[in-house]
PDB file of N, CA and C in Angstrom:
ATOM      1  N   MET A   1     -14.192  13.658  13.620  1.00  0.00           N
ATOM      2  CA  MET A   1     -12.979  14.138  12.963  1.00  0.00           C
ATOM      3  C   MET A   1     -11.928  13.042  12.833  1.00  0.00           C
ATOM      4  N   SER A   2     -11.829  12.208  13.925  1.00  0.00           N
ATOM      5  CA  SER A   2     -10.824  11.132  13.922  1.00  0.00           C
ATOM      6  C   SER A   2     -11.213  10.015  12.936  1.00  0.00           C
ATOM      7  N   ARG A   3     -12.483   9.854  12.727  1.00  0.00           N
ATOM      8  CA  ARG A   3     -12.952   8.855  11.726  1.00  0.00           C
ATOM      9  C   ARG A   3     -12.596   9.276  10.328  1.00  0.00           C
ATOM     10  N   LEU A   4     -12.642  10.596  10.030  1.00  0.00           N
ATOM     11  CA  LEU A   4     -12.311  11.121   8.734  1.00  0.00           C
ATOM     12  C   LEU A   4     -10.836  10.929   8.455  1.00  0.00           C
ATOM     13  N   VAL A   5     -10.023  11.176   9.463  1.00  0.00           N
ATOM     14  CA  VAL A   5      -8.580  10.978   9.336  1.00  0.00           C
ATOM     15  C   VAL A   5      -8.236   9.507   9.098  1.00  0.00           C
ATOM     16  N   ALA A   6      -8.905   8.616   9.881  1.00  0.00           N
ATOM     17  CA  ALA A   6      -8.703   7.180   9.679  1.00  0.00           C
ATOM     18  C   ALA A   6      -9.166   6.767   8.263  1.00  0.00           C
ATOM     19  N   LEU A   7     -10.239   7.307   7.760  1.00  0.00           N
ATOM     20  CA  LEU A   7     -10.675   6.993   6.394  1.00  0.00           C
ATOM     21  C   LEU A   7      -9.659   7.452   5.413  1.00  0.00           C
ATOM     22  N   LEU A   8      -9.130   8.629   5.562  1.00  0.00           N
ATOM     23  CA  LEU A   8      -8.125   9.128   4.591  1.00  0.00           C
ATOM     24  C   LEU A   8      -6.831   8.321   4.697  1.00  0.00           C
ATOM     25  N   ILE A   9      -6.479   7.849   5.887  1.00  0.00           N
ATOM     26  CA  ILE A   9      -5.252   6.989   6.040  1.00  0.00           C
ATOM     27  C   ILE A   9      -5.459   5.705   5.274  1.00  0.00           C
ATOM     28  N   LEU A  10      -6.704   5.209   5.225  1.00  0.00           N
ATOM     29  CA  LEU A  10      -6.953   3.955   4.489  1.00  0.00           C
ATOM     30  C   LEU A  10      -7.161   4.156   2.997  1.00  0.00           C
ATOM     31  N   VAL A  11      -7.852   5.220   2.605  1.00  0.00           N
ATOM     32  CA  VAL A  11      -8.188   5.443   1.159  1.00  0.00           C
ATOM     33  C   VAL A  11      -6.984   5.812   0.342  1.00  0.00           C
ATOM     34  N   LEU A  12      -6.186   6.810   0.829  1.00  0.00           N
ATOM     35  CA  LEU A  12      -5.089   7.267   0.013  1.00  0.00           C
ATOM     36  C   LEU A  12      -4.044   6.141  -0.353  1.00  0.00           C
ATOM     37  N   PRO A  13      -3.557   5.408   0.648  1.00  0.00           N
ATOM     38  CA  PRO A  13      -2.637   4.312   0.264  1.00  0.00           C
ATOM     39  C   PRO A  13      -3.316   3.220  -0.563  1.00  0.00           C
ATOM     40  N   GLY A  14      -4.611   2.984  -0.396  1.00  0.00           N
ATOM     41  CA  GLY A  14      -5.317   2.044  -1.210  1.00  0.00           C
ATOM     42  C   GLY A  14      -5.387   2.499  -2.642  1.00  0.00           C
ATOM     43  N   ALA A  15      -5.569   3.855  -2.933  1.00  0.00           N
ATOM     44  CA  ALA A  15      -5.557   4.371  -4.259  1.00  0.00           C
ATOM     45  C   ALA A  15      -4.134   4.261  -4.828  1.00  0.00           C
ATOM     46  N   VAL A  16      -3.082   4.480  -4.075  1.00  0.00           N
ATOM     47  CA  VAL A  16      -1.731   4.316  -4.617  1.00  0.00           C
ATOM     48  C   VAL A  16      -1.445   2.878  -4.968  1.00  0.00           C
ATOM     49  N   ALA A  17      -1.940   1.956  -4.112  1.00  0.00           N
ATOM     50  CA  ALA A  17      -1.764   0.493  -4.430  1.00  0.00           C
ATOM     51  C   ALA A  17      -2.575   0.103  -5.697  1.00  0.00           C
ATOM     52  N   ALA A  18      -3.720   0.660  -5.839  1.00  0.00           N
ATOM     53  CA  ALA A  18      -4.513   0.435  -7.056  1.00  0.00           C
ATOM     54  C   ALA A  18      -3.806   0.981  -8.336  1.00  0.00           C
ATOM     55  N   LEU A  19      -3.227   2.180  -8.212  1.00  0.00           N
ATOM     56  CA  LEU A  19      -2.407   2.725  -9.254  1.00  0.00           C
ATOM     57  C   LEU A  19      -1.259   1.787  -9.652  1.00  0.00           C
ATOM     58  N   GLY A  20      -0.605   1.289  -8.613  1.00  0.00           N
ATOM     59  CA  GLY A  20       0.498   0.388  -8.869  1.00  0.00           C
ATOM     60  C   GLY A  20       0.089  -0.852  -9.595  1.00  0.00           C
ATOM     61  N   ILE A  21      -1.075  -1.440  -9.208  1.00  0.00           N
ATOM     62  CA  ILE A  21      -1.577  -2.610  -9.914  1.00  0.00           C
ATOM     63  C   ILE A  21      -1.855  -2.241 -11.407  1.00  0.00           C
ATOM     64  N   LYS A  22      -2.457  -1.072 -11.605  1.00  0.00           N
ATOM     65  CA  LYS A  22      -2.768  -0.635 -12.999  1.00  0.00           C
ATOM     66  C   LYS A  22      -1.468  -0.489 -13.809  1.00  0.00           C
ATOM     67  N   LEU A  23      -0.460   0.134 -13.202  1.00  0.00           N
ATOM     68  CA  LEU A  23       0.797   0.329 -13.971  1.00  0.00           C
ATOM     69  C   LEU A  23       1.458  -1.022 -14.286  1.00  0.00           C
ATOM     70  N   MET A  24       1.443  -1.919 -13.326  1.00  0.00           N
ATOM     71  CA  MET A  24       2.058  -3.244 -13.644  1.00  0.00           C
ATOM     72  C   MET A  24       1.233  -4.019 -14.672  1.00  0.00           C
ATOM     73  N   ARG A  25      -0.049  -3.938 -14.679  1.00  0.00           N
ATOM     74  CA  ARG A  25      -0.936  -4.591 -15.649  1.00  0.00           C
ATOM     75  C   ARG A  25      -0.628  -3.985 -17.043  1.00  0.00           C
ATOM     76  N   ASP A  26      -0.565  -2.645 -17.086  1.00  0.00           N
ATOM     77  CA  ASP A  26      -0.315  -2.035 -18.375  1.00  0.00           C
ATOM     78  C   ASP A  26       1.074  -2.342 -18.926  1.00  0.00           C
ATOM     79  N   ALA A  27       2.046  -2.451 -18.056  1.00  0.00           N
ATOM     80  CA  ALA A  27       3.357  -2.820 -18.474  1.00  0.00           C
ATOM     81  C   ALA A  27       3.406  -4.243 -19.018  1.00  0.00           C
ATOM     82  N   LEU A  28       2.659  -5.098 -18.332  1.00  0.00           N
ATOM     83  CA  LEU A  28       2.579  -6.531 -18.757  1.00  0.00           C
ATOM     84  C   LEU A  28       1.961  -6.602 -20.180  1.00  0.00           C
ATOM     85  N   PHE A  29       0.948  -5.819 -20.460  1.00  0.00           N
ATOM     86  CA  PHE A  29       0.299  -5.893 -21.753  1.00  0.00           C
ATOM     87  C   PHE A  29       0.868  -4.931 -22.830  1.00  0.00           C
ATOM     88  N   GLY A  30       1.940  -4.200 -22.434  1.00  0.00           N
ATOM     89  CA  GLY A  30       2.621  -3.353 -23.454  1.00  0.00           C
ATOM     90  C   GLY A  30       2.089  -1.978 -23.633  1.00  0.00           C
ATOM     91  N   HIS A  31       1.359  -1.449 -22.741  1.00  0.00           N
ATOM     92  CA  HIS A  31       0.797  -0.129 -22.825  1.00  0.00           C
ATOM     93  C   HIS A  31       1.666   0.851 -22.044  1.00  0.00           C
ATOM     94  N   ALA A  32       2.464   1.621 -22.720  1.00  0.00           N
ATOM     95  CA  ALA A  32       3.394   2.595 -21.995  1.00  0.00           C
ATOM     96  C   ALA A  32       2.683   3.953 -21.805  1.00  0.00           C
ATOM     97  N   PHE A  33       3.024   4.640 -20.719  1.00  0.00           N
ATOM     98  CA  PHE A  33       2.520   5.921 -20.435  1.00  0.00           C
ATOM     99  C   PHE A  33       3.716   6.928 -20.557  1.00  0.00           C
ATOM    100  N   SER A  34       3.314   8.190 -20.723  1.00  0.00           N
ATOM    101  CA  SER A  34       4.313   9.181 -21.021  1.00  0.00           C
ATOM    102  C   SER A  34       5.416   9.442 -19.978  1.00  0.00           C
ATOM    103  N   PRO A  35       5.128   9.371 -18.642  1.00  0.00           N
ATOM    104  CA  PRO A  35       6.232   9.698 -17.736  1.00  0.00           C
ATOM    105  C   PRO A  35       7.328   8.612 -17.684  1.00  0.00           C
ATOM    106  N   PHE A  36       7.035   7.445 -18.207  1.00  0.00           N
ATOM    107  CA  PHE A  36       7.949   6.275 -18.162  1.00  0.00           C
ATOM    108  C   PHE A  36       8.588   6.000 -19.486  1.00  0.00           C
ATOM    109  N   PRO A  37       9.924   6.063 -19.625  1.00  0.00           N
ATOM    110  CA  PRO A  37      10.497   5.858 -20.970  1.00  0.00           C
ATOM    111  C   PRO A  37      10.559   4.396 -21.392  1.00  0.00           C
ATOM    112  N   SER A  38      10.378   3.453 -20.410  1.00  0.00           N
ATOM    113  CA  SER A  38      10.329   2.033 -20.834  1.00  0.00           C
ATOM    114  C   SER A  38       9.325   1.293 -20.049  1.00  0.00           C
ATOM    115  N   LEU A  39       8.903   0.120 -20.570  1.00  0.00           N
ATOM    116  CA  LEU A  39       7.906  -0.694 -19.861  1.00  0.00           C
ATOM    117  C   LEU A  39       8.470  -1.236 -18.565  1.00  0.00           C
ATOM    118  N   PHE A  40       9.797  -1.551 -18.540  1.00  0.00           N
ATOM    119  CA  PHE A  40      10.406  -2.045 -17.318  1.00  0.00           C
ATOM    120  C   PHE A  40      10.359  -1.034 -16.190  1.00  0.00           C
ATOM    121  N   LEU A  41      10.592   0.255 -16.489  1.00  0.00           N
ATOM    122  CA  LEU A  41      10.490   1.298 -15.424  1.00  0.00           C
ATOM    123  C   LEU A  41       9.064   1.448 -14.942  1.00  0.00           C
ATOM    124  N   GLN A  42       8.148   1.362 -15.901  1.00  0.00           N
ATOM    125  CA  GLN A  42       6.737   1.457 -15.545  1.00  0.00           C
ATOM    126  C   GLN A  42       6.316   0.336 -14.639  1.00  0.00           C
ATOM    127  N   GLY A  43       6.740  -0.910 -14.943  1.00  0.00           N
ATOM    128  CA  GLY A  43       6.471  -2.038 -14.092  1.00  0.00           C
ATOM    129  C   GLY A  43       7.109  -1.952 -12.759  1.00  0.00           C
ATOM    130  N   ALA A  44       8.347  -1.443 -12.723  1.00  0.00           N
ATOM    131  CA  ALA A  44       9.035  -1.291 -11.405  1.00  0.00           C
ATOM    132  C   ALA A  44       8.397  -0.218 -10.586  1.00  0.00           C
ATOM    133  N   ALA A  45       7.978   0.823 -11.165  1.00  0.00           N
ATOM    134  CA  ALA A  45       7.208   1.926 -10.467  1.00  0.00           C
ATOM    135  C   ALA A  45       5.895   1.415  -9.947  1.00  0.00           C
ATOM    136  N   GLY A  46       5.242   0.565 -10.721  1.00  0.00           N
ATOM    137  CA  GLY A  46       3.983   0.036 -10.343  1.00  0.00           C
ATOM    138  C   GLY A  46       4.170  -0.908  -9.106  1.00  0.00           C
ATOM    139  N   LEU A  47       5.213  -1.710  -9.156  1.00  0.00           N
ATOM    140  CA  LEU A  47       5.511  -2.623  -8.040  1.00  0.00           C
ATOM    141  C   LEU A  47       5.850  -1.816  -6.778  1.00  0.00           C
ATOM    142  N   ALA A  48       6.586  -0.708  -6.931  1.00  0.00           N
ATOM    143  CA  ALA A  48       6.920   0.171  -5.784  1.00  0.00           C
ATOM    144  C   ALA A  48       5.656   0.781  -5.205  1.00  0.00           C
ATOM    145  N   PHE A  49       4.817   1.299  -6.088  1.00  0.00           N
ATOM    146  CA  PHE A  49       3.522   1.878  -5.573  1.00  0.00           C
ATOM    147  C   PHE A  49       2.681   0.877  -4.873  1.00  0.00           C
ATOM    148  N   PHE A  50       2.598  -0.303  -5.380  1.00  0.00           N
ATOM    149  CA  PHE A  50       1.781  -1.337  -4.836  1.00  0.00           C
ATOM    150  C   PHE A  50       2.316  -1.733  -3.457  1.00  0.00           C
ATOM    151  N   LEU A  51       3.645  -1.956  -3.360  1.00  0.00           N
ATOM    152  CA  LEU A  51       4.259  -2.390  -2.072  1.00  0.00           C
ATOM    153  C   LEU A  51       4.144  -1.269  -1.088  1.00  0.00           C
ATOM    154  N   PHE A  52       4.311   0.003  -1.464  1.00  0.00           N
ATOM    155  CA  PHE A  52       4.155   1.095  -0.537  1.00  0.00           C
ATOM    156  C   PHE A  52       2.739   1.147   0.030  1.00  0.00           C
ATOM    157  N   GLY A  53       1.764   1.097  -0.829  1.00  0.00           N
ATOM    158  CA  GLY A  53       0.358   1.144  -0.382  1.00  0.00           C
ATOM    159  C   GLY A  53      -0.016  -0.014   0.538  1.00  0.00           C
ATOM    160  N   LEU A  54       0.469  -1.231   0.187  1.00  0.00           N
ATOM    161  CA  LEU A  54       0.200  -2.402   0.990  1.00  0.00           C
ATOM    162  C   LEU A  54       0.922  -2.236   2.333  1.00  0.00           C
ATOM    163  N   TYR A  55       2.120  -1.738   2.387  1.00  0.00           N
ATOM    164  CA  TYR A  55       2.875  -1.537   3.596  1.00  0.00           C
ATOM    165  C   TYR A  55       2.116  -0.587   4.562  1.00  0.00           C
ATOM    166  N   VAL A  56       1.656   0.522   4.005  1.00  0.00           N
ATOM    167  CA  VAL A  56       0.937   1.513   4.844  1.00  0.00           C
ATOM    168  C   VAL A  56      -0.344   0.983   5.405  1.00  0.00           C
ATOM    169  N   LEU A  57      -1.113   0.288   4.506  1.00  0.00           N
ATOM    170  CA  LEU A  57      -2.393  -0.265   4.940  1.00  0.00           C
ATOM    171  C   LEU A  57      -2.197  -1.322   6.038  1.00  0.00           C
ATOM    172  N   ALA A  58      -1.261  -2.237   5.797  1.00  0.00           N
ATOM    173  CA  ALA A  58      -0.986  -3.301   6.754  1.00  0.00           C
ATOM    174  C   ALA A  58      -0.465  -2.784   8.053  1.00  0.00           C
ATOM    175  N   GLY A  59       0.414  -1.753   8.001  1.00  0.00           N
ATOM    176  CA  GLY A  59       0.926  -1.167   9.254  1.00  0.00           C
ATOM    177  C   GLY A  59      -0.163  -0.438   9.973  1.00  0.00           C
ATOM    178  N   PHE A  60      -1.071   0.221   9.327  1.00  0.00           N
ATOM    179  CA  PHE A  60      -2.192   0.869  10.009  1.00  0.00           C
ATOM    180  C   PHE A  60      -3.067  -0.121  10.724  1.00  0.00           C
ATOM    181  N   ILE A  61      -3.398  -1.172  10.048  1.00  0.00           N
ATOM    182  CA  ILE A  61      -4.322  -2.207  10.580  1.00  0.00           C
ATOM    183  C   ILE A  61      -3.577  -2.898  11.778  1.00  0.00           C
ATOM    184  N   LEU A  62      -2.295  -3.241  11.615  1.00  0.00           N
ATOM    185  CA  LEU A  62      -1.631  -3.813  12.738  1.00  0.00           C
ATOM    186  C   LEU A  62      -1.530  -2.889  13.992  1.00  0.00           C
ATOM    187  N   TYR A  63      -1.239  -1.608  13.761  1.00  0.00           N
ATOM    188  CA  TYR A  63      -1.197  -0.663  14.825  1.00  0.00           C
ATOM    189  C   TYR A  63      -2.518  -0.544  15.545  1.00  0.00           C
ATOM    190  N   ARG A  64      -3.589  -0.472  14.745  1.00  0.00           N
ATOM    191  CA  ARG A  64      -4.943  -0.419  15.371  1.00  0.00           C
ATOM    192  C   ARG A  64      -5.320  -1.682  16.169  1.00  0.00           C
ATOM    193  N   ASP A  65      -4.970  -2.816  15.638  1.00  0.00           N
ATOM    194  CA  ASP A  65      -5.310  -4.040  16.363  1.00  0.00           C
ATOM    195  C   ASP A  65      -4.409  -4.221  17.544  1.00  0.00           C
ATOM    196  N   ARG A  66      -3.167  -3.788  17.497  1.00  0.00           N
ATOM    197  CA  ARG A  66      -2.286  -3.852  18.717  1.00  0.00           C
ATOM    198  C   ARG A  66      -2.864  -3.003  19.818  1.00  0.00           C
ATOM    199  N   LYS A  67      -3.393  -1.819  19.430  1.00  0.00           N
ATOM    200  CA  LYS A  67      -3.969  -0.900  20.412  1.00  0.00           C
ATOM    201  C   LYS A  67      -5.163  -1.467  21.095  1.00  0.00           C
ATOM    202  N   ARG A  68      -5.947  -2.322  20.337  1.00  0.00           N
ATOM    203  CA  ARG A  68      -7.162  -2.915  20.926  1.00  0.00           C
ATOM    204  C   ARG A  68      -6.850  -4.336  21.481  1.00  0.00           C
ATOM    205  N   ASN A  69      -5.620  -4.767  21.466  1.00  0.00           N
ATOM    206  CA  ASN A  69      -5.164  -6.057  21.960  1.00  0.00           C
ATOM    207  C   ASN A  69      -5.875  -7.205  21.264  1.00  0.00           C
ATOM    208  N   GLN A  70      -5.952  -7.133  19.919  1.00  0.00           N
ATOM    209  CA  GLN A  70      -6.642  -8.132  19.181  1.00  0.00           C
ATOM    210  C   GLN A  70      -5.696  -8.896  18.230  1.00  0.00           C
ATOM    211  N   VAL A  71      -4.425  -8.932  18.545  1.00  0.00           N
ATOM    212  CA  VAL A  71      -3.479  -9.624  17.747  1.00  0.00           C
ATOM    213  C   VAL A  71      -2.968 -10.918  18.479  1.00  0.00           C
ATOM    214  N   SER A  72      -2.435 -11.884  17.743  1.00  0.00           N
ATOM    215  CA  SER A  72      -1.897 -13.016  18.371  1.00  0.00           C
ATOM    216  C   SER A  72      -0.655 -12.687  19.129  1.00  0.00           C
ATOM    217  N   PRO A  73      -0.188 -13.534  20.062  1.00  0.00           N
ATOM    218  CA  PRO A  73       0.981 -13.231  20.908  1.00  0.00           C
ATOM    219  C   PRO A  73       2.248 -12.956  20.111  1.00  0.00           C
ATOM    220  N   ARG A  74       2.395 -13.543  18.880  1.00  0.00           N
ATOM    221  CA  ARG A  74       3.643 -13.266  18.203  1.00  0.00           C
ATOM    222  C   ARG A  74       3.696 -11.874  17.549  1.00  0.00           C
ATOM    223  N   PHE A  75       2.590 -11.179  17.468  1.00  0.00           N
ATOM    224  CA  PHE A  75       2.588  -9.818  16.885  1.00  0.00           C
ATOM    225  C   PHE A  75       2.507  -8.753  17.936  1.00  0.00           C
ATOM    226  N   ARG A  76       2.400  -9.146  19.233  1.00  0.00           N
ATOM    227  CA  ARG A  76       2.368  -8.181  20.255  1.00  0.00           C
ATOM    228  C   ARG A  76       3.730  -7.551  20.497  1.00  0.00           C
ATOM    229  N   LYS A  77       3.758  -6.307  20.875  1.00  0.00           N
ATOM    230  CA  LYS A  77       5.020  -5.659  21.210  1.00  0.00           C
ATOM    231  C   LYS A  77       5.664  -6.301  22.391  1.00  0.00           C
ATOM    232  N   LYS A  78       6.979  -6.525  22.356  1.00  0.00           N
ATOM    233  CA  LYS A  78       7.654  -7.137  23.472  1.00  0.00           C
ATOM    234  C   LYS A  78       7.998  -6.009  24.474  1.00  0.00           C
ATOM    235  N   LYS A  79       7.733  -6.286  25.738  1.00  0.00           N
ATOM    236  CA  LYS A  79       8.025  -5.325  26.754  1.00  0.00           C
ATOM    237  C   LYS A  79       9.456  -5.444  27.179  1.00  0.00           C
ATOM    238  N   LEU A  80      10.157  -4.306  27.387  1.00  0.00           N
ATOM    239  CA  LEU A  80      11.525  -4.355  27.765  1.00  0.00           C
ATOM    240  C   LEU A  80      11.729  -4.476  29.185  1.00  0.00           C
TER     241      LEU A  80
END
């Protein structure tokens, strides 16, 4: 069950990031979609989707590696 949850945590933000790349690409080439009134808004939404997906994926990987003590000293949590 925990592996399925981990897979969903990785797949869903990856799909959001891929959608963001697609929206930015289509805005660059001038293909507008109906929910966006302008290409600039479509590109900005694509950038936001991509950055959100990348943030979640990178955070999950960093959290997992910190738990397993596989990160370099500068990424380890500082003890108070």
